[in-house]
Amino acid sequence: MVRPREFEDEVIFYGVYRALCKKGYGQVTLTNITHEVDISPAALMKRFGSKKNLFLAYSDFVIELTRHAFQEASVSDCSRIDALKVVFKHGVLHMKDPIELANHTSFYLEGTSDPDLLGKTRSRLLLIDEFTRKMLNQAIANKEIAECDVSIVSRVLQAAISGAMMIWIKEPIRTLDELFDECFQVIFAPLQNVTAQ
């Protein structure tokens, strides 16, 4: 029985992910990707047409994974702030070390020279901001945190998480989990203290 195309694509996209983590965007080749999955370069080209089309499809896949992670967090039983932290931690769950993180991050940084890839990156970042603001509003409604400007808090949180990843790349002594916990503690402790008064 032939497997559904969606399943085959998912396997390929995880191969893209692993190849990016090992090589970085500027160095990864279709051959590197085929080494990660059981597919020939010819079959990969037949399916996607070009390396760029493969990476555009991979970007769409990552956007849908991001959407799914936020949707799951939105209906979880834990607090909205804890659920938000889970989403950010899940996004880097499979990064083995700072080198893999740096290599994968290069996809978003070096891809900015291509307008189509840049558009996909912007779509993902807008999605992250939209869901983060939504969960912050839910946290306010649930009285987990005090009233605040959710747009600013969302931006600062995303900047802190991005900064934590850069710190991990240059100083891998601590874990990403610890660095993310620290970001959430510093940003949300004052808002939680206000509600406790």
C-alpha atoms as a PDB file:
ATOM      1  CA  MET A   1       0.000   0.000   0.000  1.00  0.00           C
ATOM      2  CA  VAL A   2       1.340   3.438  -0.951  1.00  0.00           C
ATOM      3  CA  ARG A   3       1.822   5.819   1.964  1.00  0.00           C
ATOM      4  CA  PRO A   4      -0.048   9.128   1.768  1.00  0.00           C
ATOM      5  CA  ARG A   5       1.994  11.983   0.277  1.00  0.00           C
ATOM      6  CA  GLU A   6       1.517  14.021   3.477  1.00  0.00           C
ATOM      7  CA  PHE A   7       3.359  11.349   5.463  1.00  0.00           C
ATOM      8  CA  GLU A   8       6.166  11.210   2.914  1.00  0.00           C
ATOM      9  CA  ASP A   9       6.504  14.978   3.004  1.00  0.00           C
ATOM     10  CA  GLU A  10       6.665  14.971   6.802  1.00  0.00           C
ATOM     11  CA  VAL A  11       9.508  12.439   6.703  1.00  0.00           C
ATOM     12  CA  ILE A  12      11.318  14.588   4.144  1.00  0.00           C
ATOM     13  CA  PHE A  13      10.822  17.742   6.228  1.00  0.00           C
ATOM     14  CA  TYR A  14      12.281  16.076   9.307  1.00  0.00           C
ATOM     15  CA  GLY A  15      15.214  15.128   7.084  1.00  0.00           C
ATOM     16  CA  VAL A  16      15.540  18.782   6.069  1.00  0.00           C
ATOM     17  CA  TYR A  17      15.499  19.726   9.753  1.00  0.00           C
ATOM     18  CA  ARG A  18      18.242  17.245  10.645  1.00  0.00           C
ATOM     19  CA  ALA A  19      20.371  18.281   7.653  1.00  0.00           C
ATOM     20  CA  LEU A  20      20.002  21.965   8.558  1.00  0.00           C
ATOM     21  CA  CYS A  21      21.021  21.252  12.155  1.00  0.00           C
ATOM     22  CA  LYS A  22      24.150  19.466  10.945  1.00  0.00           C
ATOM     23  CA  LYS A  23      25.216  21.744   8.091  1.00  0.00           C
ATOM     24  CA  GLY A  24      23.501  25.128   8.301  1.00  0.00           C
ATOM     25  CA  TYR A  25      21.529  26.746   5.506  1.00  0.00           C
ATOM     26  CA  GLY A  26      24.501  27.948   3.468  1.00  0.00           C
ATOM     27  CA  GLN A  27      26.143  24.516   3.362  1.00  0.00           C
ATOM     28  CA  VAL A  28      23.228  22.080   3.197  1.00  0.00           C
ATOM     29  CA  THR A  29      22.708  20.250  -0.093  1.00  0.00           C
ATOM     30  CA  LEU A  30      19.968  18.036  -1.452  1.00  0.00           C
ATOM     31  CA  THR A  31      22.386  15.123  -1.023  1.00  0.00           C
ATOM     32  CA  ASN A  32      22.714  15.947   2.682  1.00  0.00           C
ATOM     33  CA  ILE A  33      18.934  15.805   2.955  1.00  0.00           C
ATOM     34  CA  THR A  34      18.647  12.514   1.076  1.00  0.00           C
ATOM     35  CA  HIS A  35      21.208  11.033   3.483  1.00  0.00           C
ATOM     36  CA  GLU A  36      18.758  11.769   6.305  1.00  0.00           C
ATOM     37  CA  VAL A  37      15.778  10.070   4.637  1.00  0.00           C
ATOM     38  CA  ASP A  38      15.261   7.073   2.408  1.00  0.00           C
ATOM     39  CA  ILE A  39      14.777   8.976  -0.839  1.00  0.00           C
ATOM     40  CA  SER A  40      16.898   9.559  -3.929  1.00  0.00           C
ATOM     41  CA  PRO A  41      17.932  13.058  -5.049  1.00  0.00           C
ATOM     42  CA  ALA A  42      15.979  12.483  -8.274  1.00  0.00           C
ATOM     43  CA  ALA A  43      12.797  11.653  -6.353  1.00  0.00           C
ATOM     44  CA  LEU A  44      13.305  14.717  -4.177  1.00  0.00           C
ATOM     45  CA  MET A  45      13.677  16.929  -7.252  1.00  0.00           C
ATOM     46  CA  LYS A  46      10.655  15.314  -8.899  1.00  0.00           C
ATOM     47  CA  ARG A  47       8.562  15.997  -5.794  1.00  0.00           C
ATOM     48  CA  PHE A  48       9.635  19.622  -5.188  1.00  0.00           C
ATOM     49  CA  GLY A  49      11.224  20.786  -8.437  1.00  0.00           C
ATOM     50  CA  SER A  50      14.062  22.748  -6.816  1.00  0.00           C
ATOM     51  CA  LYS A  51      15.961  23.250  -3.578  1.00  0.00           C
ATOM     52  CA  LYS A  52      14.178  26.565  -3.096  1.00  0.00           C
ATOM     53  CA  ASN A  53      10.742  24.950  -3.483  1.00  0.00           C
ATOM     54  CA  LEU A  54      11.755  22.309  -0.946  1.00  0.00           C
ATOM     55  CA  PHE A  55      12.710  24.986   1.572  1.00  0.00           C
ATOM     56  CA  LEU A  56       9.510  26.931   0.913  1.00  0.00           C
ATOM     57  CA  ALA A  57       7.513  23.752   1.575  1.00  0.00           C
ATOM     58  CA  TYR A  58       9.620  23.117   4.688  1.00  0.00           C
ATOM     59  CA  SER A  59       8.815  26.647   5.859  1.00  0.00           C
ATOM     60  CA  ASP A  60       5.085  25.966   5.437  1.00  0.00           C
ATOM     61  CA  PHE A  61       5.527  22.754   7.435  1.00  0.00           C
ATOM     62  CA  VAL A  62       7.270  24.637  10.269  1.00  0.00           C
ATOM     63  CA  ILE A  63       4.511  27.265  10.264  1.00  0.00           C
ATOM     64  CA  GLU A  64       1.886  24.542  10.657  1.00  0.00           C
ATOM     65  CA  LEU A  65       3.897  22.869  13.443  1.00  0.00           C
ATOM     66  CA  THR A  66       4.069  26.237  15.190  1.00  0.00           C
ATOM     67  CA  ARG A  67       0.325  26.789  14.776  1.00  0.00           C
ATOM     68  CA  HIS A  68      -0.398  23.293  16.100  1.00  0.00           C
ATOM     69  CA  ALA A  69       1.863  23.784  19.150  1.00  0.00           C
ATOM     70  CA  PHE A  70       0.079  27.011  20.073  1.00  0.00           C
ATOM     71  CA  GLN A  71      -3.357  25.491  19.504  1.00  0.00           C
ATOM     72  CA  GLU A  72      -2.500  22.579  21.802  1.00  0.00           C
ATOM     73  CA  ALA A  73      -1.184  24.988  24.424  1.00  0.00           C
ATOM     74  CA  SER A  74      -4.356  27.054  24.174  1.00  0.00           C
ATOM     75  CA  VAL A  75      -6.460  24.125  25.390  1.00  0.00           C
ATOM     76  CA  SER A  76      -4.042  22.688  27.956  1.00  0.00           C
ATOM     77  CA  ASP A  77      -4.978  22.527  31.634  1.00  0.00           C
ATOM     78  CA  CYS A  78      -1.959  24.429  32.922  1.00  0.00           C
ATOM     79  CA  SER A  79      -1.796  28.190  33.391  1.00  0.00           C
ATOM     80  CA  ARG A  80      -1.559  30.283  30.234  1.00  0.00           C
ATOM     81  CA  ILE A  81       1.939  31.445  31.180  1.00  0.00           C
ATOM     82  CA  ASP A  82       3.144  27.884  31.791  1.00  0.00           C
ATOM     83  CA  ALA A  83       1.495  26.767  28.542  1.00  0.00           C
ATOM     84  CA  LEU A  84       3.262  29.578  26.696  1.00  0.00           C
ATOM     85  CA  LYS A  85       6.580  28.500  28.179  1.00  0.00           C
ATOM     86  CA  VAL A  86       5.929  24.932  26.995  1.00  0.00           C
ATOM     87  CA  VAL A  87       5.446  26.179  23.422  1.00  0.00           C
ATOM     88  CA  PHE A  88       8.733  28.078  23.387  1.00  0.00           C
ATOM     89  CA  LYS A  89      10.606  25.155  24.944  1.00  0.00           C
ATOM     90  CA  HIS A  90       9.027  22.699  22.510  1.00  0.00           C
ATOM     91  CA  GLY A  91      10.301  24.740  19.575  1.00  0.00           C
ATOM     92  CA  VAL A  92      13.910  23.886  20.482  1.00  0.00           C
ATOM     93  CA  LEU A  93      13.264  20.503  22.082  1.00  0.00           C
ATOM     94  CA  HIS A  94      15.294  18.510  19.554  1.00  0.00           C
ATOM     95  CA  MET A  95      18.336  20.787  19.506  1.00  0.00           C
ATOM     96  CA  LYS A  96      21.181  18.640  20.850  1.00  0.00           C
ATOM     97  CA  ASP A  97      23.684  21.436  21.322  1.00  0.00           C
ATOM     98  CA  PRO A  98      24.356  25.111  20.517  1.00  0.00           C
ATOM     99  CA  ILE A  99      25.956  24.219  17.171  1.00  0.00           C
ATOM    100  CA  GLU A 100      22.741  22.596  15.964  1.00  0.00           C
ATOM    101  CA  LEU A 101      20.785  25.624  17.137  1.00  0.00           C
ATOM    102  CA  ALA A 102      23.150  28.003  15.340  1.00  0.00           C
ATOM    103  CA  ASN A 103      23.028  25.915  12.174  1.00  0.00           C
ATOM    104  CA  HIS A 104      19.237  25.755  12.130  1.00  0.00           C
ATOM    105  CA  THR A 105      18.888  29.440  12.983  1.00  0.00           C
ATOM    106  CA  SER A 106      21.019  30.222   9.920  1.00  0.00           C
ATOM    107  CA  PHE A 107      18.041  29.145   7.810  1.00  0.00           C
ATOM    108  CA  TYR A 108      16.049  32.140   9.064  1.00  0.00           C
ATOM    109  CA  LEU A 109      18.984  34.560   8.985  1.00  0.00           C
ATOM    110  CA  GLU A 110      20.559  33.659   5.638  1.00  0.00           C
ATOM    111  CA  GLY A 111      17.148  33.097   4.042  1.00  0.00           C
ATOM    112  CA  THR A 112      16.369  36.810   4.388  1.00  0.00           C
ATOM    113  CA  SER A 113      18.137  37.436   1.062  1.00  0.00           C
ATOM    114  CA  ASP A 114      15.318  35.558  -0.704  1.00  0.00           C
ATOM    115  CA  PRO A 115      12.011  37.500  -0.659  1.00  0.00           C
ATOM    116  CA  ASP A 116       9.915  34.311  -0.708  1.00  0.00           C
ATOM    117  CA  LEU A 117      11.748  32.695   2.210  1.00  0.00           C
ATOM    118  CA  LEU A 118      11.733  36.006   4.074  1.00  0.00           C
ATOM    119  CA  GLY A 119       7.964  36.169   3.597  1.00  0.00           C
ATOM    120  CA  LYS A 120       7.585  32.702   5.142  1.00  0.00           C
ATOM    121  CA  THR A 121       9.764  33.691   8.099  1.00  0.00           C
ATOM    122  CA  ARG A 122       7.715  36.837   8.634  1.00  0.00           C
ATOM    123  CA  SER A 123       4.488  34.805   8.500  1.00  0.00           C
ATOM    124  CA  ARG A 124       5.802  32.470  11.197  1.00  0.00           C
ATOM    125  CA  LEU A 125       6.934  35.361  13.408  1.00  0.00           C
ATOM    126  CA  LEU A 126       3.552  37.075  13.024  1.00  0.00           C
ATOM    127  CA  LEU A 127       1.858  33.811  13.986  1.00  0.00           C
ATOM    128  CA  ILE A 128       4.027  33.481  17.094  1.00  0.00           C
ATOM    129  CA  ASP A 129       3.232  37.068  18.093  1.00  0.00           C
ATOM    130  CA  GLU A 130      -0.498  36.635  17.461  1.00  0.00           C
ATOM    131  CA  PHE A 131      -0.765  33.497  19.591  1.00  0.00           C
ATOM    132  CA  THR A 132       1.517  34.895  22.308  1.00  0.00           C
ATOM    133  CA  ARG A 133      -0.682  37.992  22.628  1.00  0.00           C
ATOM    134  CA  LYS A 134      -3.795  35.814  22.677  1.00  0.00           C
ATOM    135  CA  MET A 135      -2.407  33.680  25.510  1.00  0.00           C
ATOM    136  CA  LEU A 136      -1.313  36.773  27.436  1.00  0.00           C
ATOM    137  CA  ASN A 137      -4.845  38.161  27.153  1.00  0.00           C
ATOM    138  CA  GLN A 138      -6.166  34.840  28.465  1.00  0.00           C
ATOM    139  CA  ALA A 139      -3.683  35.038  31.356  1.00  0.00           C
ATOM    140  CA  ILE A 140      -5.014  38.508  32.204  1.00  0.00           C
ATOM    141  CA  ALA A 141      -8.627  37.298  31.990  1.00  0.00           C
ATOM    142  CA  ASN A 142      -7.747  34.368  34.295  1.00  0.00           C
ATOM    143  CA  LYS A 143      -6.048  36.803  36.705  1.00  0.00           C
ATOM    144  CA  GLU A 144      -2.724  34.999  36.365  1.00  0.00           C
ATOM    145  CA  ILE A 145      -1.024  38.303  35.582  1.00  0.00           C
ATOM    146  CA  ALA A 146      -1.956  41.951  35.992  1.00  0.00           C
ATOM    147  CA  GLU A 147      -3.303  44.126  33.189  1.00  0.00           C
ATOM    148  CA  CYS A 148      -0.473  45.070  30.850  1.00  0.00           C
ATOM    149  CA  ASP A 149       0.271  46.096  27.285  1.00  0.00           C
ATOM    150  CA  VAL A 150       0.273  42.620  25.761  1.00  0.00           C
ATOM    151  CA  SER A 151       1.892  43.855  22.540  1.00  0.00           C
ATOM    152  CA  ILE A 152       4.931  45.113  24.437  1.00  0.00           C
ATOM    153  CA  VAL A 153       5.124  42.071  26.725  1.00  0.00           C
ATOM    154  CA  SER A 154       4.864  39.756  23.724  1.00  0.00           C
ATOM    155  CA  ARG A 155       7.694  41.573  21.922  1.00  0.00           C
ATOM    156  CA  VAL A 156       9.913  41.630  25.006  1.00  0.00           C
ATOM    157  CA  LEU A 157       9.262  37.939  25.680  1.00  0.00           C
ATOM    158  CA  GLN A 158      10.122  36.958  22.102  1.00  0.00           C
ATOM    159  CA  ALA A 159      13.240  39.128  22.209  1.00  0.00           C
ATOM    160  CA  ALA A 160      14.285  37.561  25.515  1.00  0.00           C
ATOM    161  CA  ILE A 161      13.770  34.017  24.193  1.00  0.00           C
ATOM    162  CA  SER A 162      15.751  34.829  21.021  1.00  0.00           C
ATOM    163  CA  GLY A 163      18.480  36.390  23.147  1.00  0.00           C
ATOM    164  CA  ALA A 164      18.579  33.341  25.420  1.00  0.00           C
ATOM    165  CA  MET A 165      19.221  31.164  22.383  1.00  0.00           C
ATOM    166  CA  MET A 166      22.104  33.410  21.307  1.00  0.00           C
ATOM    167  CA  ILE A 167      23.544  33.289  24.835  1.00  0.00           C
ATOM    168  CA  TRP A 168      23.350  29.476  24.750  1.00  0.00           C
ATOM    169  CA  ILE A 169      25.264  29.453  21.459  1.00  0.00           C
ATOM    170  CA  LYS A 170      28.153  31.416  22.963  1.00  0.00           C
ATOM    171  CA  GLU A 171      27.886  30.108  26.557  1.00  0.00           C
ATOM    172  CA  PRO A 172      26.570  26.517  26.605  1.00  0.00           C
ATOM    173  CA  ILE A 173      27.218  26.083  30.345  1.00  0.00           C
ATOM    174  CA  ARG A 174      23.515  26.393  31.173  1.00  0.00           C
ATOM    175  CA  THR A 175      20.623  24.620  29.476  1.00  0.00           C
ATOM    176  CA  LEU A 176      18.082  26.292  27.225  1.00  0.00           C
ATOM    177  CA  ASP A 177      15.401  25.248  29.714  1.00  0.00           C
ATOM    178  CA  GLU A 178      17.156  27.208  32.463  1.00  0.00           C
ATOM    179  CA  LEU A 179      17.628  30.234  30.239  1.00  0.00           C
ATOM    180  CA  PHE A 180      13.981  30.177  29.128  1.00  0.00           C
ATOM    181  CA  ASP A 181      12.803  29.783  32.752  1.00  0.00           C
ATOM    182  CA  GLU A 182      14.872  32.825  33.656  1.00  0.00           C
ATOM    183  CA  CYS A 183      13.272  34.875  30.856  1.00  0.00           C
ATOM    184  CA  PHE A 184       9.784  33.990  32.039  1.00  0.00           C
ATOM    185  CA  GLN A 185      10.680  34.647  35.690  1.00  0.00           C
ATOM    186  CA  VAL A 186      12.095  38.109  35.049  1.00  0.00           C
ATOM    187  CA  ILE A 187       9.296  39.171  32.685  1.00  0.00           C
ATOM    188  CA  PHE A 188       6.296  37.780  34.571  1.00  0.00           C
ATOM    189  CA  ALA A 189       7.268  37.973  38.264  1.00  0.00           C
ATOM    190  CA  PRO A 190       6.422  41.695  38.508  1.00  0.00           C
ATOM    191  CA  LEU A 191       3.067  41.136  36.787  1.00  0.00           C
ATOM    192  CA  GLN A 192       2.242  38.229  39.101  1.00  0.00           C
ATOM    193  CA  ASN A 193       3.312  40.168  42.197  1.00  0.00           C
ATOM    194  CA  VAL A 194       0.913  42.966  41.299  1.00  0.00           C
ATOM    195  CA  THR A 195      -2.038  40.545  41.228  1.00  0.00           C
ATOM    196  CA  ALA A 196      -1.086  39.095  44.603  1.00  0.00           C
ATOM    197  CA  GLN A 197      -1.382  42.462  46.408  1.00  0.00           C
END
